[in-house]
C-alpha atoms as a PDB file:
ATOM      1  CA  MET A   1     -74.009 -40.137  12.067  1.00  0.00           C
ATOM      2  CA  ARG A   2     -71.695 -38.270  13.908  1.00  0.00           C
ATOM      3  CA  ARG A   3     -69.835 -41.609  14.933  1.00  0.00           C
ATOM      4  CA  PHE A   4     -69.237 -42.512  11.537  1.00  0.00           C
ATOM      5  CA  THR A   5     -67.587 -39.308  10.511  1.00  0.00           C
ATOM      6  CA  GLY A   6     -65.383 -39.853  13.483  1.00  0.00           C
ATOM      7  CA  ALA A   7     -64.407 -42.791  12.377  1.00  0.00           C
ATOM      8  CA  ARG A   8     -63.504 -41.638   8.708  1.00  0.00           C
ATOM      9  CA  ARG A   9     -61.400 -38.787  10.223  1.00  0.00           C
ATOM     10  CA  PHE A  10     -59.620 -41.185  12.748  1.00  0.00           C
ATOM     11  CA  VAL A  11     -58.566 -43.711   9.768  1.00  0.00           C
ATOM     12  CA  PHE A  12     -57.869 -40.831   7.423  1.00  0.00           C
ATOM     13  CA  ASN A  13     -55.309 -39.226  10.237  1.00  0.00           C
ATOM     14  CA  LYS A  14     -53.951 -42.560  11.376  1.00  0.00           C
ATOM     15  CA  ALA A  15     -53.331 -43.675   7.528  1.00  0.00           C
ATOM     16  CA  LEU A  16     -51.826 -40.278   7.233  1.00  0.00           C
ATOM     17  CA  ALA A  17     -49.353 -40.717  10.089  1.00  0.00           C
ATOM     18  CA  LEU A  18     -48.465 -44.051   8.912  1.00  0.00           C
ATOM     19  CA  GLN A  19     -47.520 -42.659   5.727  1.00  0.00           C
ATOM     20  CA  LYS A  20     -45.230 -39.583   7.192  1.00  0.00           C
ATOM     21  CA  SER A  21     -43.704 -42.203   9.279  1.00  0.00           C
ATOM     22  CA  LEU A  22     -42.648 -44.352   6.486  1.00  0.00           C
ATOM     23  CA  PHE A  23     -41.407 -41.213   4.611  1.00  0.00           C
ATOM     24  CA  ASP A  24     -39.235 -39.780   7.022  1.00  0.00           C
ATOM     25  CA  ALA A  25     -37.868 -43.236   7.894  1.00  0.00           C
ATOM     26  CA  GLY A  26     -36.927 -43.142   4.012  1.00  0.00           C
ATOM     27  CA  SER A  27     -39.407 -46.095   3.304  1.00  0.00           C
ATOM     28  CA  LYS A  28     -41.744 -46.675   0.709  1.00  0.00           C
ATOM     29  CA  LYS A  29     -45.410 -45.467   1.077  1.00  0.00           C
ATOM     30  CA  LEU A  30     -48.013 -48.041   1.249  1.00  0.00           C
ATOM     31  CA  ASN A  31     -50.397 -48.170  -1.646  1.00  0.00           C
ATOM     32  CA  TYR A  32     -53.993 -47.982  -1.465  1.00  0.00           C
ATOM     33  CA  ALA A  33     -54.112 -52.064  -1.109  1.00  0.00           C
ATOM     34  CA  GLY A  34     -51.559 -51.878   1.860  1.00  0.00           C
ATOM     35  CA  LEU A  35     -53.481 -49.340   3.694  1.00  0.00           C
ATOM     36  CA  CYS A  36     -56.742 -51.428   3.512  1.00  0.00           C
ATOM     37  CA  LYS A  37     -54.889 -54.439   5.246  1.00  0.00           C
ATOM     38  CA  GLU A  38     -54.090 -51.850   7.800  1.00  0.00           C
ATOM     39  CA  LEU A  39     -57.615 -50.725   8.435  1.00  0.00           C
ATOM     40  CA  THR A  40     -58.736 -54.528   8.285  1.00  0.00           C
ATOM     41  CA  GLY A  41     -55.935 -54.808  11.575  1.00  0.00           C
ATOM     42  CA  TRP A  42     -57.335 -51.622  12.774  1.00  0.00           C
ATOM     43  CA  ARG A  43     -60.886 -52.816  12.951  1.00  0.00           C
ATOM     44  CA  ASN A  44     -59.956 -56.212  14.616  1.00  0.00           C
ATOM     45  CA  SER A  45     -57.611 -54.796  17.158  1.00  0.00           C
ATOM     46  CA  ILE A  46     -59.277 -54.361  20.814  1.00  0.00           C
ATOM     47  CA  GLU A  47     -57.943 -50.703  20.804  1.00  0.00           C
ATOM     48  CA  THR A  48     -59.874 -49.860  17.992  1.00  0.00           C
ATOM     49  CA  SER A  49     -62.821 -52.035  17.968  1.00  0.00           C
ATOM     50  CA  TRP A  50     -65.280 -49.567  17.494  1.00  0.00           C
ATOM     51  CA  LEU A  51     -64.139 -48.930  14.166  1.00  0.00           C
ATOM     52  CA  SER A  52     -66.151 -51.896  13.116  1.00  0.00           C
ATOM     53  CA  GLU A  53     -69.587 -50.188  14.226  1.00  0.00           C
ATOM     54  CA  ALA A  54     -69.276 -48.161  11.100  1.00  0.00           C
ATOM     55  CA  PRO A  55     -69.848 -49.258   7.456  1.00  0.00           C
ATOM     56  CA  VAL A  56     -66.393 -50.378   6.339  1.00  0.00           C
ATOM     57  CA  HIS A  57     -66.855 -48.602   2.625  1.00  0.00           C
ATOM     58  CA  PRO A  58     -67.035 -45.070   3.864  1.00  0.00           C
ATOM     59  CA  LEU A  59     -63.729 -45.808   6.084  1.00  0.00           C
ATOM     60  CA  GLN A  60     -62.073 -47.480   2.659  1.00  0.00           C
ATOM     61  CA  GLN A  61     -63.106 -44.270   0.405  1.00  0.00           C
ATOM     62  CA  ALA A  62     -61.062 -42.230   3.294  1.00  0.00           C
ATOM     63  CA  LEU A  63     -57.991 -44.073   2.251  1.00  0.00           C
ATOM     64  CA  LYS A  64     -58.634 -43.439  -1.420  1.00  0.00           C
ATOM     65  CA  ASP A  65     -58.833 -39.430  -0.437  1.00  0.00           C
ATOM     66  CA  LEU A  66     -55.677 -39.923   1.317  1.00  0.00           C
ATOM     67  CA  GLU A  67     -53.939 -41.774  -1.699  1.00  0.00           C
ATOM     68  CA  ARG A  68     -55.400 -39.209  -4.389  1.00  0.00           C
ATOM     69  CA  ALA A  69     -53.983 -36.129  -2.067  1.00  0.00           C
ATOM     70  CA  TYR A  70     -50.436 -37.913  -2.015  1.00  0.00           C
ATOM     71  CA  THR A  71     -50.731 -38.192  -5.895  1.00  0.00           C
ATOM     72  CA  ASN A  72     -51.723 -34.532  -6.277  1.00  0.00           C
ATOM     73  CA  PHE A  73     -48.806 -33.462  -3.975  1.00  0.00           C
ATOM     74  CA  PHE A  74     -46.259 -35.622  -5.701  1.00  0.00           C
ATOM     75  CA  GLU A  75     -47.473 -34.412  -9.224  1.00  0.00           C
ATOM     76  CA  LYS A  76     -47.036 -30.720  -7.567  1.00  0.00           C
ATOM     77  CA  ARG A  77     -50.665 -30.265  -7.980  1.00  0.00           C
ATOM     78  CA  ALA A  78     -51.535 -29.463  -4.304  1.00  0.00           C
ATOM     79  CA  ASP A  79     -49.813 -29.216  -0.900  1.00  0.00           C
ATOM     80  CA  PHE A  80     -48.765 -32.014   1.576  1.00  0.00           C
ATOM     81  CA  PRO A  81     -51.933 -33.731   3.006  1.00  0.00           C
ATOM     82  CA  ARG A  82     -53.126 -32.010   6.459  1.00  0.00           C
ATOM     83  CA  PHE A  83     -54.684 -34.001   9.486  1.00  0.00           C
ATOM     84  CA  ALA A  84     -58.201 -33.351   9.066  1.00  0.00           C
ATOM     85  CA  LYS A  85     -60.142 -31.693  12.256  1.00  0.00           C
ATOM     86  CA  LYS A  86     -63.304 -31.894  13.868  1.00  0.00           C
ATOM     87  CA  GLY A  87     -66.141 -29.690  12.609  1.00  0.00           C
ATOM     88  CA  GLN A  88     -64.156 -29.145   8.971  1.00  0.00           C
ATOM     89  CA  SER A  89     -65.493 -30.760   6.120  1.00  0.00           C
ATOM     90  CA  ASP A  90     -67.052 -33.592   8.181  1.00  0.00           C
ATOM     91  CA  SER A  91     -68.476 -36.156   5.544  1.00  0.00           C
ATOM     92  CA  PHE A  92     -68.486 -39.952   4.609  1.00  0.00           C
ATOM     93  CA  ARG A  93     -69.437 -41.573   1.303  1.00  0.00           C
ATOM     94  CA  TYR A  94     -70.998 -44.795   0.086  1.00  0.00           C
ATOM     95  CA  PRO A  95     -69.371 -45.471  -3.398  1.00  0.00           C
ATOM     96  CA  ASP A  96     -71.231 -48.222  -4.613  1.00  0.00           C
ATOM     97  CA  PRO A  97     -75.024 -47.984  -5.705  1.00  0.00           C
ATOM     98  CA  LYS A  98     -75.411 -51.306  -4.256  1.00  0.00           C
ATOM     99  CA  GLN A  99     -74.809 -50.216  -1.015  1.00  0.00           C
ATOM    100  CA  PHE A 100     -77.746 -47.740  -0.566  1.00  0.00           C
ATOM    101  CA  LYS A 101     -81.420 -47.627  -1.822  1.00  0.00           C
ATOM    102  CA  PHE A 102     -82.831 -44.237  -2.973  1.00  0.00           C
ATOM    103  CA  ASP A 103     -86.384 -43.760  -2.764  1.00  0.00           C
ATOM    104  CA  GLN A 104     -86.926 -40.551  -4.614  1.00  0.00           C
ATOM    105  CA  VAL A 105     -90.587 -40.505  -4.964  1.00  0.00           C
ATOM    106  CA  ASN A 106     -91.284 -41.079  -1.184  1.00  0.00           C
ATOM    107  CA  GLY A 107     -88.049 -38.760   0.212  1.00  0.00           C
ATOM    108  CA  ARG A 108     -86.310 -41.355   1.704  1.00  0.00           C
ATOM    109  CA  ILE A 109     -82.802 -43.290   1.276  1.00  0.00           C
ATOM    110  CA  PHE A 110     -81.555 -46.372   2.806  1.00  0.00           C
ATOM    111  CA  LEU A 111     -78.023 -46.095   4.519  1.00  0.00           C
ATOM    112  CA  PRO A 112     -76.043 -49.317   5.581  1.00  0.00           C
ATOM    113  CA  LYS A 113     -75.896 -49.189   9.489  1.00  0.00           C
ATOM    114  CA  LEU A 114     -78.577 -46.245   9.503  1.00  0.00           C
ATOM    115  CA  GLY A 115     -81.422 -47.532   7.718  1.00  0.00           C
ATOM    116  CA  TRP A 116     -84.000 -45.206   6.082  1.00  0.00           C
ATOM    117  CA  ILE A 117     -83.705 -42.009   6.884  1.00  0.00           C
ATOM    118  CA  ARG A 118     -86.323 -39.341   5.477  1.00  0.00           C
ATOM    119  CA  TYR A 119     -84.794 -36.266   3.692  1.00  0.00           C
ATOM    120  CA  ARG A 120     -86.135 -33.061   2.222  1.00  0.00           C
ATOM    121  CA  ASN A 121     -85.439 -32.793  -1.330  1.00  0.00           C
ATOM    122  CA  SER A 122     -83.831 -29.361  -2.745  1.00  0.00           C
ATOM    123  CA  ARG A 123     -84.257 -30.682  -6.563  1.00  0.00           C
ATOM    124  CA  ALA A 124     -85.167 -34.015  -8.545  1.00  0.00           C
ATOM    125  CA  ALA A 125     -82.111 -36.347  -9.210  1.00  0.00           C
ATOM    126  CA  ALA A 126     -82.335 -37.589 -12.881  1.00  0.00           C
ATOM    127  CA  GLY A 127     -80.262 -40.379 -13.937  1.00  0.00           C
ATOM    128  CA  THR A 128     -79.143 -43.536 -12.525  1.00  0.00           C
ATOM    129  CA  PRO A 129     -77.689 -43.069  -8.762  1.00  0.00           C
ATOM    130  CA  LYS A 130     -74.058 -43.733  -8.814  1.00  0.00           C
ATOM    131  CA  ASN A 131     -72.499 -42.721  -5.165  1.00  0.00           C
ATOM    132  CA  VAL A 132     -73.932 -41.438  -2.207  1.00  0.00           C
ATOM    133  CA  THR A 133     -72.112 -38.692   0.047  1.00  0.00           C
ATOM    134  CA  VAL A 134     -73.349 -37.587   3.760  1.00  0.00           C
ATOM    135  CA  SER A 135     -72.012 -34.374   4.758  1.00  0.00           C
ATOM    136  CA  ARG A 136     -72.263 -32.237   7.855  1.00  0.00           C
ATOM    137  CA  ARG A 137     -72.404 -28.304   8.118  1.00  0.00           C
ATOM    138  CA  GLY A 138     -73.175 -26.626  11.792  1.00  0.00           C
ATOM    139  CA  ASP A 139     -76.430 -28.707  13.063  1.00  0.00           C
ATOM    140  CA  LYS A 140     -77.365 -29.773   9.535  1.00  0.00           C
ATOM    141  CA  TRP A 141     -76.923 -32.925   7.908  1.00  0.00           C
ATOM    142  CA  PHE A 142     -76.839 -32.940   3.667  1.00  0.00           C
ATOM    143  CA  VAL A 143     -76.956 -36.171   1.428  1.00  0.00           C
ATOM    144  CA  SER A 144     -75.806 -35.592  -2.050  1.00  0.00           C
ATOM    145  CA  VAL A 145     -76.523 -38.018  -4.627  1.00  0.00           C
ATOM    146  CA  GLN A 146     -74.278 -38.403  -7.967  1.00  0.00           C
ATOM    147  CA  THR A 147     -76.148 -39.733 -11.126  1.00  0.00           C
ATOM    148  CA  GLU A 148     -75.105 -40.633 -14.294  1.00  0.00           C
ATOM    149  CA  ARG A 149     -76.880 -39.739 -17.409  1.00  0.00           C
ATOM    150  CA  GLU A 150     -76.771 -38.982 -20.944  1.00  0.00           C
ATOM    151  CA  VAL A 151     -77.172 -35.234 -22.161  1.00  0.00           C
ATOM    152  CA  ALA A 152     -76.915 -33.739 -25.545  1.00  0.00           C
ATOM    153  CA  ASP A 153     -74.300 -31.715 -26.664  1.00  0.00           C
ATOM    154  CA  PRO A 154     -74.944 -28.167 -25.360  1.00  0.00           C
ATOM    155  CA  LYS A 155     -75.305 -25.420 -28.004  1.00  0.00           C
ATOM    156  CA  PRO A 156     -73.527 -22.080 -26.959  1.00  0.00           C
ATOM    157  CA  ARG A 157     -75.758 -19.124 -27.412  1.00  0.00           C
ATOM    158  CA  ALA A 158     -73.037 -16.446 -27.147  1.00  0.00           C
ATOM    159  CA  THR A 159     -69.887 -15.629 -28.818  1.00  0.00           C
ATOM    160  CA  SER A 160     -68.150 -12.854 -26.890  1.00  0.00           C
ATOM    161  CA  ILE A 161     -65.298 -12.467 -24.956  1.00  0.00           C
ATOM    162  CA  VAL A 162     -65.363 -10.768 -21.732  1.00  0.00           C
ATOM    163  CA  GLY A 163     -62.345 -10.066 -19.109  1.00  0.00           C
ATOM    164  CA  VAL A 164     -62.850  -9.487 -15.357  1.00  0.00           C
ATOM    165  CA  ASP A 165     -60.685  -7.443 -13.259  1.00  0.00           C
ATOM    166  CA  ARG A 166     -61.240  -8.352  -9.224  1.00  0.00           C
ATOM    167  CA  GLY A 167     -61.368  -5.658  -6.939  1.00  0.00           C
ATOM    168  CA  ILE A 168     -61.600  -3.993  -3.602  1.00  0.00           C
ATOM    169  CA  SER A 169     -64.541  -1.487  -3.148  1.00  0.00           C
ATOM    170  CA  LYS A 170     -66.334  -3.513  -6.633  1.00  0.00           C
ATOM    171  CA  PHE A 171     -66.349  -7.080  -6.759  1.00  0.00           C
ATOM    172  CA  GLY A 172     -65.193  -6.981 -10.061  1.00  0.00           C
ATOM    173  CA  ALA A 173     -64.952  -4.823 -13.122  1.00  0.00           C
ATOM    174  CA  LEU A 174     -65.410  -6.265 -16.835  1.00  0.00           C
ATOM    175  CA  SER A 175     -63.839  -5.197 -20.198  1.00  0.00           C
ATOM    176  CA  ASP A 176     -67.116  -4.304 -21.428  1.00  0.00           C
ATOM    177  CA  GLY A 177     -67.403  -1.222 -18.856  1.00  0.00           C
ATOM    178  CA  THR A 178     -69.739  -3.127 -16.370  1.00  0.00           C
ATOM    179  CA  PHE A 179     -69.298  -3.520 -13.010  1.00  0.00           C
ATOM    180  CA  ILE A 180     -70.064  -6.172 -10.392  1.00  0.00           C
ATOM    181  CA  PRO A 181     -71.057  -4.861  -7.006  1.00  0.00           C
ATOM    182  CA  ALA A 182     -69.284  -5.953  -4.038  1.00  0.00           C
ATOM    183  CA  LEU A 183     -71.107  -8.076  -1.356  1.00  0.00           C
ATOM    184  CA  ASN A 184     -70.588  -7.157   2.349  1.00  0.00           C
ATOM    185  CA  VAL A 185     -72.679  -9.717   3.486  1.00  0.00           C
ATOM    186  CA  PHE A 186     -70.303  -9.666   6.824  1.00  0.00           C
ATOM    187  CA  ALA A 187     -71.097  -5.924   7.664  1.00  0.00           C
ATOM    188  CA  GLY A 188     -74.673  -6.944   8.282  1.00  0.00           C
ATOM    189  CA  ALA A 189     -74.176  -9.790  10.376  1.00  0.00           C
ATOM    190  CA  ALA A 190     -71.322  -8.184  12.371  1.00  0.00           C
ATOM    191  CA  ARG A 191     -73.663  -6.724  15.175  1.00  0.00           C
ATOM    192  CA  LYS A 192     -75.238  -9.935  15.595  1.00  0.00           C
ATOM    193  CA  LEU A 193     -72.053 -11.907  15.580  1.00  0.00           C
ATOM    194  CA  ALA A 194     -70.600  -9.495  18.225  1.00  0.00           C
ATOM    195  CA  ARG A 195     -73.514 -10.116  20.641  1.00  0.00           C
ATOM    196  CA  LEU A 196     -73.518 -13.776  20.288  1.00  0.00           C
ATOM    197  CA  GLN A 197     -69.691 -14.030  20.992  1.00  0.00           C
ATOM    198  CA  ARG A 198     -70.228 -11.869  24.295  1.00  0.00           C
ATOM    199  CA  ARG A 199     -72.866 -13.968  25.214  1.00  0.00           C
ATOM    200  CA  MET A 200     -70.449 -17.137  24.720  1.00  0.00           C
ATOM    201  CA  ALA A 201     -68.105 -15.422  26.608  1.00  0.00           C
ATOM    202  CA  LYS A 202     -70.048 -15.540  29.730  1.00  0.00           C
ATOM    203  CA  LYS A 203     -71.187 -19.010  29.648  1.00  0.00           C
ATOM    204  CA  VAL A 204     -69.018 -21.882  31.484  1.00  0.00           C
ATOM    205  CA  LYS A 205     -66.585 -23.270  28.797  1.00  0.00           C
ATOM    206  CA  PHE A 206     -67.883 -26.863  27.569  1.00  0.00           C
ATOM    207  CA  SER A 207     -71.164 -26.198  29.823  1.00  0.00           C
ATOM    208  CA  SER A 208     -74.630 -27.127  27.803  1.00  0.00           C
ATOM    209  CA  ASN A 209     -75.245 -23.469  27.294  1.00  0.00           C
ATOM    210  CA  TRP A 210     -71.501 -22.849  26.158  1.00  0.00           C
ATOM    211  CA  LYS A 211     -72.359 -25.404  23.630  1.00  0.00           C
ATOM    212  CA  LYS A 212     -75.514 -23.419  22.485  1.00  0.00           C
ATOM    213  CA  ALA A 213     -74.117 -20.210  22.103  1.00  0.00           C
ATOM    214  CA  LYS A 214     -71.441 -21.456  20.077  1.00  0.00           C
ATOM    215  CA  ALA A 215     -73.678 -23.628  17.780  1.00  0.00           C
ATOM    216  CA  ALA A 216     -75.264 -20.042  17.168  1.00  0.00           C
ATOM    217  CA  ILE A 217     -72.072 -18.790  16.233  1.00  0.00           C
ATOM    218  CA  THR A 218     -71.548 -21.509  14.131  1.00  0.00           C
ATOM    219  CA  ASN A 219     -74.963 -21.296  12.298  1.00  0.00           C
ATOM    220  CA  LEU A 220     -74.265 -17.266  11.646  1.00  0.00           C
ATOM    221  CA  HIS A 221     -70.980 -18.155  10.281  1.00  0.00           C
ATOM    222  CA  ILE A 222     -72.500 -20.680   7.704  1.00  0.00           C
ATOM    223  CA  ARG A 223     -75.214 -18.331   6.851  1.00  0.00           C
ATOM    224  CA  ILE A 224     -72.535 -15.638   5.945  1.00  0.00           C
ATOM    225  CA  ALA A 225     -70.798 -18.672   3.774  1.00  0.00           C
ATOM    226  CA  ASN A 226     -74.129 -19.582   2.139  1.00  0.00           C
ATOM    227  CA  VAL A 227     -74.789 -16.071   0.882  1.00  0.00           C
ATOM    228  CA  ARG A 228     -71.147 -15.652  -0.526  1.00  0.00           C
ATOM    229  CA  ARG A 229     -71.729 -18.912  -2.444  1.00  0.00           C
ATOM    230  CA  ASP A 230     -74.721 -18.139  -3.681  1.00  0.00           C
ATOM    231  CA  PHE A 231     -73.646 -14.957  -4.754  1.00  0.00           C
ATOM    232  CA  LEU A 232     -70.671 -16.195  -6.567  1.00  0.00           C
ATOM    233  CA  HIS A 233     -72.729 -19.128  -8.122  1.00  0.00           C
ATOM    234  CA  LYS A 234     -75.116 -16.574  -9.970  1.00  0.00           C
ATOM    235  CA  GLU A 235     -72.566 -14.181 -11.217  1.00  0.00           C
ATOM    236  CA  SER A 236     -70.405 -16.969 -12.627  1.00  0.00           C
ATOM    237  CA  THR A 237     -73.547 -17.989 -14.129  1.00  0.00           C
ATOM    238  CA  LYS A 238     -73.969 -14.711 -15.583  1.00  0.00           C
ATOM    239  CA  LEU A 239     -71.176 -14.436 -17.077  1.00  0.00           C
ATOM    240  CA  SER A 240     -70.955 -18.104 -18.659  1.00  0.00           C
ATOM    241  CA  GLN A 241     -74.296 -17.883 -20.208  1.00  0.00           C
ATOM    242  CA  ASN A 242     -73.356 -14.286 -21.701  1.00  0.00           C
ATOM    243  CA  HIS A 243     -69.838 -15.159 -22.897  1.00  0.00           C
ATOM    244  CA  ALA A 244     -68.567 -17.736 -24.684  1.00  0.00           C
ATOM    245  CA  CYS A 245     -64.887 -17.154 -23.098  1.00  0.00           C
ATOM    246  CA  VAL A 246     -64.045 -15.370 -19.420  1.00  0.00           C
ATOM    247  CA  VAL A 247     -60.421 -14.087 -19.042  1.00  0.00           C
ATOM    248  CA  LEU A 248     -59.276 -13.722 -15.412  1.00  0.00           C
ATOM    249  CA  GLU A 249     -56.038 -12.341 -14.374  1.00  0.00           C
ATOM    250  CA  ASP A 250     -53.475 -14.383 -12.398  1.00  0.00           C
ATOM    251  CA  LEU A 251     -53.330 -12.518  -9.204  1.00  0.00           C
ATOM    252  CA  GLN A 252     -53.334 -13.295  -5.638  1.00  0.00           C
ATOM    253  CA  VAL A 253     -56.380 -11.899  -3.941  1.00  0.00           C
ATOM    254  CA  ASN A 254     -54.756 -11.756  -0.376  1.00  0.00           C
ATOM    255  CA  ASN A 255     -52.134  -9.279  -2.054  1.00  0.00           C
ATOM    256  CA  MET A 256     -54.841  -6.913  -3.341  1.00  0.00           C
ATOM    257  CA  SER A 257     -56.281  -6.737   0.405  1.00  0.00           C
ATOM    258  CA  ARG A 258     -52.788  -5.916   1.979  1.00  0.00           C
ATOM    259  CA  SER A 259     -52.118  -3.207  -0.965  1.00  0.00           C
ATOM    260  CA  ALA A 260     -55.639  -2.026  -0.143  1.00  0.00           C
ATOM    261  CA  LYS A 261     -54.433  -1.871   3.487  1.00  0.00           C
ATOM    262  CA  GLY A 262     -51.017   0.315   2.509  1.00  0.00           C
ATOM    263  CA  THR A 263     -48.752  -2.580   3.374  1.00  0.00           C
ATOM    264  CA  ARG A 264     -47.822  -3.035  -0.225  1.00  0.00           C
END
């Protein structure tokens, strides 16, 4: 699976470099069909024949992601596409339900060129499977199955409106007078993080022990990010369930942090 994510990242970066060269030369960029023709040539080339070892559909999805990123840039919805880096958003996607088999009862899934893989089910997937995304965070792999199903129109339970003011010492202040306390999970993990960093600094760079120490630091950062993400999900769920409308101020959080330090 690491080879598949590497192939997907290589195709995305190679296609982005090609599009940038065309843009710098004043030529028209290639559309998705043109990029797919280039992909066929890369898979058949001797220099990059290893791309044929990866399934073709996830590689084509990388080109679709690049096309979408270009569209968002030209329509001023996002910045210019950036090159993908190893270890950041490592994933690949199977877009067609005919390409995989989902055996939820036995907790396994069949993926092309990988075969049957067992997984731990976090929750039951309802509906008809449409696509599968395999992603990596640290040393763990996750499979996300997107399904389609019909649901009844939700009936709102709340009718109130609330405003949220983001803060520094407190995460947020609500217009009804209540506060959301700040979650400083990094403070509790700072000592452990410093200890792991000192341990890695004593290892020979790129040795096996150095890689193990680096993996421990990565897993700790992932745990901190997961705690923060869980906190945001829970607080946003409370707001959405108890209020019909939530109003947020248009404010740059980075500017708030700089102001708290006295630079603004």
